[in-house]
Amino acid sequence: MNSPNFQLNKVRRHLRAFGRDFTFIREGTDSFGEPNGMTESFVIQGIYHETISNAMIVLQNISDAATTWPKKIPAMLCLWEFAQQVKPTDLVSINSKRYKISQIRNLEEANLVADILMEEVQEIAQ
């Protein structure tokens, strides 16, 4: 069964069973598009996972032998209808780490399920 409605209902059941709520925070803007100091937030139900990037992380050790590791990219699986609310400037906190949105993928271009890719925001200690 490859019916789009059947596939969508499978994902909805999976999200209800295993998903959790993620709160996205967006900086408010004025009529000129500049930050006004206000924030707005919205909640999307999704499943956190990590994808493997083609980029490799190279670690040097004392003997100059390089070790490579695949780079893991944090992501969130959710319904496409909710992913359309997200903008690349939004932030989300997961386990006390802050992430910014780097990309929103429409899986199989079916307008059913989305993968929201994130990057960790590095906090600068002063």
Protein backbone atom coordinates (compact mmCIF):
# COMPACT_ATOMS: atom_id res chain seq x y z
CA MET A 1 0.00 0.00 0.00
CA ASN A 2 1.62 3.19 -1.16
CA SER A 3 -1.36 5.45 -0.74
CA PRO A 4 -0.24 8.88 0.53
CA ASN A 5 -2.97 8.92 3.17
CA PHE A 6 -1.93 5.49 4.43
CA GLN A 7 1.71 6.60 4.71
CA LEU A 8 0.72 9.86 6.42
CA ASN A 9 -1.36 8.01 9.02
CA LYS A 10 1.55 5.66 9.75
CA VAL A 11 3.78 8.66 10.46
CA ARG A 12 1.07 10.32 12.60
CA ARG A 13 0.72 7.15 14.71
CA HIS A 14 4.49 6.96 15.12
CA LEU A 15 4.68 10.62 16.18
CA ARG A 16 1.87 10.14 18.72
CA ALA A 17 3.60 7.08 20.17
CA PHE A 18 7.22 8.20 20.19
CA GLY A 19 7.28 11.93 19.45
CA ARG A 20 7.73 14.78 21.86
CA ASP A 21 6.96 18.48 21.79
CA PHE A 22 9.72 20.84 20.66
CA THR A 23 9.35 24.56 21.36
CA PHE A 24 10.72 26.83 18.66
CA ILE A 25 11.58 30.44 19.49
CA ARG A 26 11.54 33.23 16.93
CA GLU A 27 12.80 36.77 17.40
CA GLY A 28 10.06 39.31 16.76
CA THR A 29 10.53 41.96 14.08
CA ASP A 30 9.02 45.36 13.39
CA SER A 31 7.49 46.53 10.12
CA PHE A 32 10.98 47.06 8.66
CA GLY A 33 12.09 43.50 9.46
CA GLU A 34 14.45 44.56 12.26
CA PRO A 35 14.48 42.88 15.69
CA ASN A 36 12.15 44.54 18.21
CA GLY A 37 13.20 42.62 21.34
CA MET A 38 10.03 40.53 21.48
CA THR A 39 9.98 36.76 20.97
CA GLU A 40 7.27 34.40 19.87
CA SER A 41 7.20 30.65 20.29
CA PHE A 42 5.34 27.70 18.85
CA VAL A 43 5.36 23.96 19.48
CA ILE A 44 5.84 21.16 16.96
CA GLN A 45 5.61 17.47 17.73
CA GLY A 46 8.51 15.50 16.27
CA ILE A 47 11.13 12.82 16.74
CA TYR A 48 14.77 13.79 17.31
CA HIS A 49 17.36 11.82 15.36
CA GLU A 50 20.78 12.31 13.81
CA THR A 51 21.76 11.94 10.17
CA ILE A 52 25.24 11.18 8.91
CA SER A 53 26.90 13.79 6.72
CA ASN A 54 29.29 13.11 3.85
CA ALA A 55 31.75 15.44 5.59
CA MET A 56 34.32 13.73 7.76
CA ILE A 57 35.87 15.04 10.96
CA VAL A 58 39.63 14.46 11.05
CA LEU A 59 41.27 14.05 14.43
CA GLN A 60 45.05 14.24 14.78
CA ASN A 61 46.81 12.34 17.52
CA ILE A 62 50.38 12.52 18.78
CA SER A 63 51.79 10.09 16.23
CA ASP A 64 50.30 12.12 13.34
CA ALA A 65 48.01 9.29 12.35
CA ALA A 66 44.67 10.72 11.36
CA THR A 67 41.38 9.26 12.50
CA THR A 68 38.24 10.15 10.63
CA TRP A 69 34.70 10.14 11.97
CA PRO A 70 31.50 10.85 10.09
CA LYS A 71 29.88 14.11 11.11
CA LYS A 72 26.47 13.68 12.75
CA ILE A 73 23.80 16.29 12.01
CA PRO A 74 20.95 16.68 14.52
CA ALA A 75 17.51 16.57 12.91
CA MET A 76 13.83 16.34 13.74
CA LEU A 77 11.22 14.34 11.84
CA CYS A 78 7.77 15.97 11.77
CA LEU A 79 4.73 16.46 9.57
CA TRP A 80 5.19 18.77 6.57
CA GLU A 81 2.17 20.89 7.50
CA PHE A 82 3.89 21.90 10.78
CA ALA A 83 7.41 22.20 9.32
CA GLN A 84 6.18 24.99 7.06
CA GLN A 85 5.91 27.23 10.16
CA VAL A 86 9.66 26.97 10.78
CA LYS A 87 12.12 29.57 9.45
CA PRO A 88 15.93 29.34 9.29
CA THR A 89 16.23 32.05 11.95
CA ASP A 90 14.32 30.01 14.57
CA LEU A 91 15.96 28.43 17.61
CA VAL A 92 15.07 25.27 19.51
CA SER A 93 16.45 23.93 22.82
CA ILE A 94 17.03 20.21 23.27
CA ASN A 95 18.62 18.86 26.46
CA SER A 96 20.00 22.29 27.42
CA LYS A 97 21.64 22.75 24.00
CA ARG A 98 20.46 25.44 21.62
CA TYR A 99 20.12 24.70 17.93
CA LYS A 100 19.42 26.92 14.94
CA ILE A 101 17.61 25.63 11.89
CA SER A 102 19.87 24.99 8.91
CA GLN A 103 17.56 23.28 6.43
CA ILE A 104 14.02 21.97 6.05
CA ARG A 105 13.69 18.94 3.77
CA ASN A 106 10.43 17.83 2.19
CA LEU A 107 10.98 14.06 2.20
CA GLU A 108 10.38 12.50 -1.21
CA GLU A 109 8.77 15.82 -2.27
CA ALA A 110 5.45 14.32 -1.15
CA ASN A 111 4.38 17.23 1.13
CA LEU A 112 3.69 14.71 3.90
CA VAL A 113 6.77 14.46 6.12
CA ALA A 114 9.67 16.83 6.75
CA ASP A 115 13.14 16.55 8.19
CA ILE A 116 14.31 19.71 9.97
CA LEU A 117 18.12 19.82 10.08
CA MET A 118 19.78 21.80 12.88
CA GLU A 119 23.19 23.10 13.96
CA GLU A 120 24.27 23.54 17.54
CA VAL A 121 24.73 27.16 18.60
CA GLN A 122 28.12 27.55 20.25
CA GLU A 123 27.90 29.70 23.36
CA ILE A 124 30.89 31.98 23.83
CA ALA A 125 32.07 32.07 27.44
CA GLN A 126 33.26 35.48 28.55
